[in-house]
Protein backbone atom coordinates (compact mmCIF):
# COMPACT_ATOMS: atom_id res chain seq x y z
CA MET A 1 63.39 84.26 41.03
CA PRO A 2 66.90 82.82 40.60
CA ALA A 3 67.18 79.08 40.04
CA PRO A 4 68.62 76.89 42.83
CA LEU A 5 71.78 76.23 40.80
CA LEU A 6 72.57 79.95 40.73
CA LYS A 7 72.16 80.05 44.51
CA GLU A 8 74.63 77.16 44.77
CA ALA A 9 77.06 79.02 42.55
CA ARG A 10 76.78 82.15 44.68
CA ASN A 11 77.83 80.06 47.65
CA LEU A 12 81.03 79.40 45.69
CA GLN A 13 81.81 83.13 45.32
CA LYS A 14 84.88 83.07 47.59
CA GLN A 15 86.30 79.99 45.91
CA LEU A 16 85.64 81.33 42.40
CA SER A 17 87.34 84.62 43.28
CA ALA A 18 90.27 82.77 44.83
CA TRP A 19 90.75 80.67 41.71
CA ARG A 20 90.47 83.69 39.44
CA ARG A 21 92.93 85.75 41.51
CA HIS A 22 95.45 82.92 41.55
CA PHE A 23 95.40 82.78 37.75
CA HIS A 24 95.53 86.58 37.59
CA GLN A 25 98.65 86.68 39.75
CA HIS A 26 100.38 83.95 37.73
CA PRO A 27 99.64 84.70 34.05
CA GLU A 28 101.35 82.82 31.23
CA ILE A 29 101.31 83.46 27.49
CA GLY A 30 100.09 81.00 24.88
CA PHE A 31 101.64 77.51 24.78
CA GLU A 32 103.59 78.33 27.97
CA GLU A 33 100.77 77.89 30.51
CA LYS A 34 102.57 75.17 32.48
CA HIS A 35 101.79 76.44 35.98
CA THR A 36 98.20 77.23 34.96
CA ALA A 37 97.65 73.73 33.56
CA ARG A 38 99.14 72.07 36.66
CA TYR A 39 96.88 74.12 38.91
CA ILE A 40 93.76 73.28 36.87
CA ARG A 41 94.64 69.59 36.96
CA ARG A 42 95.07 69.71 40.71
CA VAL A 43 91.67 71.34 41.22
CA LEU A 44 89.92 68.89 38.86
CA ARG A 45 91.43 65.91 40.70
CA LYS A 46 90.19 67.30 44.02
CA LEU A 47 86.73 67.48 42.44
CA GLY A 48 86.98 63.80 41.54
CA LEU A 49 87.67 64.24 37.82
CA ARG A 50 90.50 62.62 35.86
CA PRO A 51 92.19 64.93 33.35
CA ARG A 52 93.44 63.33 30.14
CA SER A 53 97.02 63.33 29.02
CA PRO A 54 97.67 66.67 27.29
CA VAL A 55 97.58 66.94 23.52
CA ILE A 56 99.69 70.11 23.22
CA LYS A 57 101.48 70.13 26.60
CA THR A 58 99.39 72.83 28.32
CA ASP A 59 95.80 71.88 27.46
CA VAL A 60 93.59 70.27 30.11
CA VAL A 61 90.66 68.07 29.08
CA ALA A 62 88.44 66.14 31.48
CA ASP A 63 85.19 64.22 31.01
CA LEU A 64 82.18 63.73 33.25
CA ALA A 65 80.25 60.76 31.89
CA ALA A 66 76.51 60.40 32.39
CA ARG A 67 74.75 57.05 32.64
CA ARG A 68 73.42 55.80 29.32
CA ALA A 69 74.17 59.15 27.65
CA THR A 70 74.61 59.16 23.87
CA LYS A 71 75.46 62.85 23.45
CA THR A 72 78.40 64.96 24.62
CA VAL A 73 78.39 68.68 25.41
CA ALA A 74 81.74 70.47 25.64
CA LEU A 75 82.36 73.57 27.77
CA ARG A 76 85.46 75.56 26.88
CA ALA A 77 87.61 78.15 28.64
CA ASP A 78 90.77 79.78 27.26
CA ILE A 79 93.61 79.95 29.79
CA ASP A 80 96.39 82.12 28.30
CA ALA A 81 97.38 85.70 29.11
CA LEU A 82 98.77 88.63 27.13
CA PRO A 83 102.39 89.85 26.81
CA VAL A 84 101.49 93.25 28.30
CA GLN A 85 102.54 94.92 31.56
CA GLU A 86 99.59 95.34 33.93
CA LEU A 87 99.19 98.85 35.38
CA GLY A 88 96.37 98.13 37.82
CA ARG A 89 97.05 98.32 41.54
CA SER A 90 94.89 95.50 42.87
CA ALA A 91 96.22 93.22 45.58
CA TYR A 92 96.06 90.36 43.07
CA ARG A 93 97.87 92.09 40.21
CA SER A 94 100.23 90.09 38.01
CA ARG A 95 103.46 88.88 39.57
CA ASN A 96 104.97 88.06 36.17
CA PRO A 97 106.58 91.17 34.61
CA GLY A 98 105.32 91.93 31.12
CA VAL A 99 102.53 89.33 31.24
CA ALA A 100 98.96 89.89 32.42
CA HIS A 101 95.39 88.62 32.22
CA LEU A 102 93.87 91.64 30.50
CA CYS A 103 91.17 89.84 28.51
CA GLY A 104 89.44 87.86 31.25
CA HIS A 105 90.80 84.39 30.58
CA ASP A 106 91.51 84.05 34.30
CA ALA A 107 87.77 84.53 34.88
CA HIS A 108 86.86 82.05 32.12
CA THR A 109 89.07 79.41 33.73
CA ALA A 110 87.64 80.02 37.20
CA MET A 111 84.06 79.88 35.89
CA LEU A 112 84.67 76.56 34.12
CA LEU A 113 86.19 75.11 37.29
CA GLY A 114 83.07 76.34 39.08
CA ALA A 115 80.87 74.66 36.48
CA ALA A 116 82.81 71.41 37.00
CA ALA A 117 82.23 71.64 40.76
CA LEU A 118 78.51 72.27 40.29
CA LEU A 119 78.04 69.47 37.76
CA LYS A 120 79.97 67.01 39.89
CA GLY A 121 77.39 67.69 42.61
CA HIS A 122 74.56 67.03 40.15
CA HIS A 123 76.19 64.11 38.37
CA ASP A 124 73.16 61.86 38.80
CA GLN A 125 70.93 64.39 37.00
CA LEU A 126 73.06 64.65 33.87
CA GLU A 127 71.61 63.26 30.64
CA VAL A 128 74.62 64.15 28.48
CA ASN A 129 78.32 63.55 28.86
CA VAL A 130 80.28 66.70 29.64
CA ARG A 131 83.75 67.57 28.36
CA PHE A 132 85.62 70.33 30.17
CA LEU A 133 88.06 71.89 27.73
CA PHE A 134 90.70 74.26 29.11
CA GLN A 135 92.40 75.54 25.97
CA PRO A 136 95.80 77.23 25.70
CA ALA A 137 96.93 79.96 23.32
CA GLU A 138 93.74 81.67 22.17
CA GLU A 139 95.69 84.94 21.95
CA ARG A 140 98.60 83.46 20.00
CA PRO A 141 97.86 82.34 16.42
CA PRO A 142 97.63 79.70 15.11
CA GLY A 143 96.06 79.13 18.52
CA GLY A 144 95.31 76.09 20.62
CA ALA A 145 91.92 75.25 19.11
CA GLN A 146 93.40 74.10 15.81
CA ALA A 147 95.69 71.57 17.48
CA LEU A 148 92.88 70.21 19.65
CA VAL A 149 90.53 69.84 16.69
CA GLU A 150 93.25 68.08 14.69
CA ALA A 151 93.87 65.76 17.65
CA GLY A 152 90.20 64.69 17.59
CA VAL A 153 89.14 66.25 20.89
CA LEU A 154 85.84 67.33 19.32
CA ASP A 155 85.18 64.24 17.20
CA ASP A 156 82.51 62.89 19.56
CA VAL A 157 81.18 66.31 20.72
CA ASP A 158 77.61 67.17 19.69
CA GLU A 159 77.56 70.76 20.95
CA ILE A 160 80.04 73.22 22.47
CA PHE A 161 79.62 76.41 24.49
CA ALA A 162 81.91 79.17 25.77
CA LEU A 163 81.52 82.40 27.71
CA HIS A 164 83.67 85.51 27.40
CA VAL A 165 83.54 88.27 30.01
CA ASP A 166 82.74 91.69 28.56
CA SER A 167 83.51 95.04 30.20
CA SER A 168 81.16 96.85 27.81
CA LEU A 169 78.08 94.97 29.07
CA PRO A 170 76.33 95.61 32.41
CA LEU A 171 77.17 93.24 35.23
CA GLY A 172 75.36 89.92 34.80
CA CYS A 173 74.02 90.55 31.29
CA VAL A 174 74.37 87.62 28.85
CA SER A 175 74.58 88.44 25.14
CA SER A 176 74.87 86.44 21.95
CA CYS A 177 73.41 86.11 18.45
CA ALA A 178 72.87 83.54 15.73
CA GLY A 179 75.29 83.64 12.79
CA PRO A 180 78.48 85.72 12.82
CA ILE A 181 79.27 87.04 16.30
CA MET A 182 83.00 87.71 15.91
CA ALA A 183 85.13 88.58 12.89
CA ALA A 184 87.86 86.69 11.12
CA ALA A 185 91.32 87.73 12.27
CA ASP A 186 94.38 87.82 10.04
CA GLY A 187 97.84 89.31 10.47
CA PHE A 188 100.35 91.03 8.24
CA GLU A 189 103.91 92.31 8.10
CA ALA A 190 104.81 94.89 5.45
CA ARG A 191 108.33 96.05 4.74
CA LEU A 192 109.21 99.23 2.88
CA VAL A 193 112.81 98.87 1.76
CA GLY A 194 114.78 101.89 0.62
CA ARG A 195 118.42 102.99 0.82
CA GLY A 196 119.66 104.30 4.13
CA GLY A 197 122.25 106.98 4.79
CA HIS A 198 123.02 110.26 6.50
CA ALA A 199 119.90 112.18 7.53
CA ALA A 200 121.53 115.46 6.41
CA SER A 201 121.61 114.19 2.82
CA PRO A 202 118.15 112.73 2.16
CA HIS A 203 118.52 113.37 -1.59
CA ARG A 204 121.27 110.76 -1.73
CA ASN A 205 119.13 108.11 -0.09
CA ARG A 206 115.74 106.47 -0.61
CA ASP A 207 113.94 107.28 2.63
CA PRO A 208 111.28 104.67 3.53
CA VAL A 209 109.96 106.61 6.54
CA PRO A 210 107.73 109.14 4.71
CA ALA A 211 106.51 106.30 2.51
CA ALA A 212 105.61 104.29 5.61
CA ALA A 213 103.65 107.23 7.02
CA GLN A 214 101.76 107.50 3.73
CA ALA A 215 101.19 103.73 3.70
CA VAL A 216 99.63 103.73 7.19
CA LEU A 217 97.10 106.34 6.08
CA ALA A 218 96.53 104.84 2.64
CA LEU A 219 95.74 101.42 4.10
CA GLN A 220 92.76 102.98 5.89
CA THR A 221 91.12 103.59 2.51
CA ILE A 222 90.56 99.84 2.25
CA ALA A 223 87.74 100.18 4.78
CA SER A 224 86.57 103.66 3.76
CA ARG A 225 86.81 103.49 -0.04
CA CYS A 226 87.57 99.98 -1.33
CA THR A 227 85.02 97.73 0.39
CA ASN A 228 81.26 97.72 0.89
CA PRO A 229 80.56 100.02 3.86
CA THR A 230 77.67 97.81 5.01
CA GLU A 231 80.12 94.94 5.62
CA PRO A 232 82.66 95.95 8.27
CA VAL A 233 86.40 95.77 7.65
CA VAL A 234 89.17 96.83 10.03
CA VAL A 235 92.83 97.33 9.05
CA SER A 236 94.96 98.28 12.06
CA VAL A 237 98.68 98.99 11.87
CA CYS A 238 99.84 98.31 15.43
CA VAL A 239 103.64 98.15 15.12
CA LEU A 240 105.93 100.51 13.21
CA GLU A 241 109.67 99.85 13.41
CA ALA A 242 112.24 102.13 11.80
CA GLY A 243 115.79 103.17 12.53
CA THR A 244 118.05 103.18 15.56
CA ALA A 245 119.74 106.59 15.44
CA PHE A 246 118.42 110.18 15.25
CA ASN A 247 120.67 111.15 12.34
CA VAL A 248 120.46 108.03 10.15
CA ILE A 249 117.81 107.37 7.54
CA PRO A 250 116.96 103.67 7.96
CA GLU A 251 117.24 101.11 5.23
CA GLN A 252 113.81 99.66 6.03
CA VAL A 253 110.54 100.33 7.85
CA THR A 254 108.42 97.44 9.08
CA LEU A 255 104.66 97.65 9.64
CA ARG A 256 102.76 94.94 11.50
CA GLY A 257 99.09 94.73 12.22
CA THR A 258 95.81 92.91 12.00
CA VAL A 259 92.88 92.73 9.60
CA ARG A 260 89.30 91.90 10.64
CA THR A 261 86.53 90.95 8.22
CA VAL A 262 83.12 89.28 8.44
CA THR A 263 82.64 88.08 4.86
CA LYS A 264 84.70 85.62 2.82
CA ARG A 265 84.93 87.95 -0.19
CA HIS A 266 86.41 90.77 1.89
CA ARG A 267 88.76 88.37 3.62
CA GLN A 268 90.13 87.35 0.23
CA ALA A 269 90.11 90.90 -1.19
CA VAL A 270 92.02 92.72 1.57
CA PRO A 271 95.50 91.24 0.97
CA ARG A 272 95.17 92.02 -2.75
CA LEU A 273 94.19 95.61 -1.95
CA MET A 274 97.05 95.93 0.53
CA ARG A 275 99.59 94.82 -2.07
CA ARG A 276 98.21 97.31 -4.59
CA ILE A 277 98.38 100.21 -2.11
CA LEU A 278 101.83 99.34 -0.77
CA SER A 279 103.21 98.85 -4.26
CA GLY A 280 101.87 102.24 -5.38
CA VAL A 281 103.28 104.07 -2.35
CA ALA A 282 106.63 102.36 -2.79
CA ARG A 283 106.89 103.17 -6.49
CA SER A 284 106.16 106.83 -5.86
CA ALA A 285 109.04 106.91 -3.36
CA GLY A 286 111.44 104.90 -5.49
CA ILE A 287 111.61 102.08 -2.97
CA ARG A 288 110.40 98.48 -2.71
CA ALA A 289 107.42 97.04 -0.82
CA GLU A 290 107.07 93.50 0.54
CA LEU A 291 104.04 91.96 2.23
CA ASP A 292 103.63 88.78 4.27
CA TYR A 293 99.96 88.06 4.95
CA ASN A 294 98.74 85.31 7.28
CA PHE A 295 95.19 83.97 7.55
CA TYR A 296 94.50 83.13 11.18
CA TYR A 297 91.04 82.66 12.71
CA PRO A 298 87.87 82.43 10.59
CA VAL A 299 84.58 84.15 11.45
CA SER A 300 82.93 82.82 14.63
CA SER A 301 79.45 81.84 13.46
CA ASN A 302 76.99 80.67 16.11
CA HIS A 303 74.30 78.08 15.48
CA ALA A 304 70.76 79.42 15.94
CA ALA A 305 69.38 76.59 18.09
CA SER A 306 72.36 76.76 20.45
CA VAL A 307 71.99 80.54 20.84
CA GLU A 308 68.29 80.16 21.62
CA PHE A 309 69.20 77.60 24.26
CA VAL A 310 71.73 80.01 25.83
CA ALA A 311 69.10 82.78 25.92
CA ASP A 312 66.42 80.56 27.47
CA THR A 313 68.88 79.15 30.01
CA ALA A 314 70.09 82.61 31.09
CA ARG A 315 66.53 83.81 31.62
CA GLN A 316 65.47 80.71 33.53
CA LEU A 317 68.62 80.76 35.65
CA THR A 318 68.22 84.39 36.73
CA GLY A 319 64.43 84.65 36.62
CA ARG A 320 64.80 87.82 34.51
CA ARG A 321 64.00 88.23 30.81
CA SER A 322 66.37 91.20 30.77
CA ALA A 323 69.26 88.89 31.66
CA TYR A 324 69.78 88.23 27.94
CA ARG A 325 70.18 90.70 25.12
CA GLN A 326 70.79 90.32 21.41
CA ALA A 327 74.42 90.91 20.39
CA GLU A 328 75.79 92.53 17.27
CA VAL A 329 78.77 91.17 15.36
CA ARG A 330 82.06 92.34 16.85
CA MET A 331 85.39 92.85 15.16
CA GLY A 332 87.25 90.95 17.85
CA ALA A 333 88.10 87.37 16.96
CA GLU A 334 88.34 83.94 18.56
CA ASP A 335 89.77 80.58 17.64
CA PHE A 336 86.53 79.19 19.11
CA SER A 337 85.46 79.71 15.50
CA LEU A 338 87.29 76.48 14.63
CA TYR A 339 85.11 74.53 17.06
CA LEU A 340 81.99 76.08 15.53
CA GLU A 341 83.14 74.83 12.12
CA LYS A 342 83.51 71.33 13.57
CA THR A 343 80.27 71.01 15.53
CA THR A 344 77.19 72.99 16.63
CA GLY A 345 77.44 75.46 19.47
CA ALA A 346 77.40 79.04 20.66
CA PHE A 347 79.77 81.69 21.97
CA ALA A 348 78.27 84.24 24.36
CA PHE A 349 79.37 87.29 26.33
CA LEU A 350 78.90 87.89 30.06
CA GLY A 351 78.80 91.46 31.32
CA THR A 352 81.26 92.53 34.03
CA ARG A 353 81.00 96.33 33.83
CA SER A 354 80.58 98.06 37.16
CA LYS A 355 81.21 101.72 37.93
CA ALA A 356 81.49 100.95 41.63
CA LYS A 357 84.27 98.43 40.98
CA ARG A 358 85.85 100.56 38.21
CA THR A 359 85.74 97.73 35.70
CA GLN A 360 84.95 99.73 32.55
CA ALA A 361 88.44 99.49 31.00
CA ASN A 362 88.48 97.92 27.57
CA HIS A 363 89.90 94.45 26.98
CA HIS A 364 93.69 94.38 26.45
CA ASN A 365 93.95 97.69 28.32
CA PRO A 366 96.67 97.56 31.05
CA HIS A 367 94.04 98.61 33.64
CA PHE A 368 91.52 95.91 32.67
CA ASP A 369 89.72 94.17 35.53
CA ILE A 370 86.32 92.59 36.18
CA ASP A 371 83.62 92.68 38.81
CA GLU A 372 83.94 89.21 40.33
CA ARG A 373 80.24 89.10 41.19
CA ALA A 374 79.80 87.89 37.59
CA LEU A 375 81.71 84.66 38.30
CA PRO A 376 78.88 82.69 39.96
CA LEU A 377 76.49 83.49 37.11
CA GLY A 378 79.07 82.39 34.55
CA ALA A 379 79.74 79.13 36.40
CA ALA A 380 76.03 78.43 36.84
CA LEU A 381 75.23 79.26 33.22
CA LEU A 382 77.93 76.92 31.88
CA ALA A 383 76.77 74.16 34.22
CA SER A 384 73.12 74.70 33.26
CA LEU A 385 73.92 74.44 29.54
CA ALA A 386 75.05 70.89 30.22
CA LEU A 387 72.57 70.02 32.96
CA ASN A 388 69.52 71.13 30.97
CA ARG A 389 70.54 69.52 27.68
CA ARG A 390 68.62 66.42 26.68
C-alpha cells in the first residue's frame, strides 16, 4: 500500500506537470539558465524558503533547517537543456529554437520543487537539515558541480541524493547500484592536417579526408582490440568537419567526440592509444595529426549504504518490492560524480517509459519526452530520503 507521502505527492500532479511544462517550454543551455533560475527562486519563495545568493549566477540553493539537527542531506536537480532542436509536437514543446529539454532536466527540477513543497509541509518531522541544490550546466563541461564544490556548497553536507528520469525503465521503477553507476566522460578534438588543392589533382595534394575516414574506423579498435573487453570503453566520433566546396580538397579535417571509461587505467590509456592510432594513420597518408584531449567528469560511484537506503525507501513508499531493481553501470556520465567524491550519497534512475504515452525515445533524441505520472513518485522519493534520514 502506498505511503501517505506518495498520496500527498499525487495530489500535486497538476502542479508538478505545470512546473515541468514551463521549464520544457523555456529551455536554456548550461550557465545561461537565467529565466529558469528566476522561476525556481520565485517558486521557492512562495513555499516559504529563502534561496541563497548564487555562486555561479544561475545556481539556486536553499536550506530547510530542522530543530536541533546536526546532519545535512542535500537533494540535487540539474536544470540545463541541450543545444538541439526538438521535433516533438506536444503542446508544451520548446519555444526556444535550437534548445530543448531532451534529457529530463525539466522533470528533475519539477520533482525537486515538489520535494521542497512536501518537506515544507512536514517541517516539524525533519531530523536533518535539507539543502535543495538546483545545479546549472550538467551537460556543459566542466559543468556546474565543480564550481559549487569549490565554493563550499557541500562542505557541511553529510549525504546527497539525485534522481534521473530514464526512458528505458518502466514507469515508476527506481534503479541504482553500489559502486560505479555511470562512466567517466572525456572529450577530444583531433585534427588531420594535409595540403589542400584542386580535387581533380589529388596527387598534387595531401588529402586528409581518406585519412580521417580511416581514423574514425581505426579508433574503434581501442574498444575492440586494445582494452580489456570485460571493462567497457566507448570512443564515439560525433563531429566530422571537412571542406567547404565540392571540388576542393580541404587543408584539414577535424574530428570531435567523447570517450567513456569505468576504470582509471583505461581512462589514462585511451588518450595514449588515440595518439598512436592517429599518428600512424597520418604518417601513412603523409599528413600530420594533432590531438587535444580533455578530462571532464570522473566515474559516478555510489556509496553502498546510501543505495540501500534508496532501495528501502522506494519499496516502503510504493508498498511494492518490485518498485526497485538493481542497475548495471551505464556509459552515460554525470558531474554528480564530483559530489560523490566529496561526500556520501547515491544517484538513482526513475523509469518514465510508457507505450501509451509514446515515451520510449532515447535521451538526447529530438523526440524525447516522459510520462508525467512519474513526477509525484520522484518528488515523494526525494522528500522521503530526507524525511526518513536520522
